[in-house]
């Protein structure tokens, strides 16, 4: 309903405006004034112009003054108002919503002059289109109680029970089985469990989490057998995915502690022990270690696979090892590809720093012809000319055989490093960690004096560098040229003099062959 200016509702103003128009000769307005419906709450009468159109005037000639109508809430209750033909006294309107019942209006001119519009007839709702009832409309409506019962029925439905395999760890094995399957004694494995209890403790509180003993058993079984992860999981009663997690966790934990097992001691007592131990083998004096490289087969890596192809034609990483007279590994470097040269690996390893930055380390290490001659690294003499040189080569070869035995023993104890069991299905970084961990476990077994069984002792698988590794003609020509030139241009001359003094002092037989 629109808003009507209050000044236009007063009858006097309407009459004055009409009279002025007649005096000016304007005539009646083109458009008759609209009949305005006055709300019942205004308390005002209708304009006289509207009563004049109906043929009668307002009662008394005046409308109801504005603001003097019936107040809200003080009218006659609905249904008990004036009967047909009986009006309401002047000035007492009926409040909105409490007038006569539907269909009982007020007689024109006798009731409330404000009621001019008859009540509207009820409007029928628009007809709905014929539609096929959907599936949801055909079903019987369900209440919240029915839904709760359905949820309870679903919860009460029997679930398929989980089947857990019988798990097997080293505690359920005999001493012989533990030595055969894990290559370590039960006492040694128990010591490892106590050492790595904090690193391998289950993070959750589930009742089916794998204990430390089971994780260590699965990992050692994989190292010892070199088989697939699925076979290792079947042995321990776990899945292949669980075996993969166990190998990963145990390898990372042991790799962090590898420094506790692989250590090159430089104190005088350790130097004296190593020197006397190597001298007892073939009489070679002041030996502080033996060095050589071996290959560990891997699958073709995703990045630069050609760099990992070695001389034998398979993918591998080259592992440099230094051992003592007791076949314990003193230093390991397993971060170079299979195509890397032995001299290059030695130059970029930590071995030169042990002798150059620590003057208290007296003596040298022994290497084959693939290594350069240094003051701290003795190599065989090419083309020996005297009996002393020949005796030097024989003693050097016998002493250097210790590293071959160490590599063979390492690969027999942990067959995952041996090529006969296939290549390791890991990336080169993970294979390097596995190699270092196996070296640490090998030292632990050697420290405890554990020996492999006779049935497990096989022929050592040596790398190609150990068998028939010969230097090129350029290397031989370079050494011969170094012998004829001065020390200023060739530092190798000093190493040659050290070797000659050793041959003359220790192998005193300058007679020619």
Foldseek 3Di string as FASTA:
>chain_A
DDDDDPVVFAQVVVVVVVVVCVVVVVPDDPDDDDQDQDDLVQLWAGHQVVVVVVPHGAVVNGIGDTPQEADAPPFAAEQPADAEAAADPGSYTHHPPGHYDQPGDYPDRHYDNNPDDHDDDDDDDDDDDDDDDDPVVVDDDDDPVVVVVVVVVVVPDDDDDDDAFDFDFPVPDDQVVCCQQLVDGPVLLVVVCVVCVVQPPDPDDDPPDDHSRRLSRLQSNCQQQLAQLQVSCVVRRHHSVVSVVSNVSVLVSLLVVLPVQAAQDLDPVLQVVQQVLLCVQQNQGSARWAKDKAWFAAQQAPPPSVQQQAPVGGGTWIKMFIAGSLLATRDIDTQGHRHDQPQVSVVPDCVVCVPPVDVSRDGAYEYEPSHAQDLRYDYQDPPDWFPLSVSVNVSSVRSNCSNQVSQQVLCLRGVSRPPVSPHHHDHSVSVSSVVSSSSSVVSVCSVVPHDRDPVSDDDGDGHPCVPPNDDDPVVVVVVVVVCVDDCVVPVCVVSVVSVVVSSCVRVPTRHTD
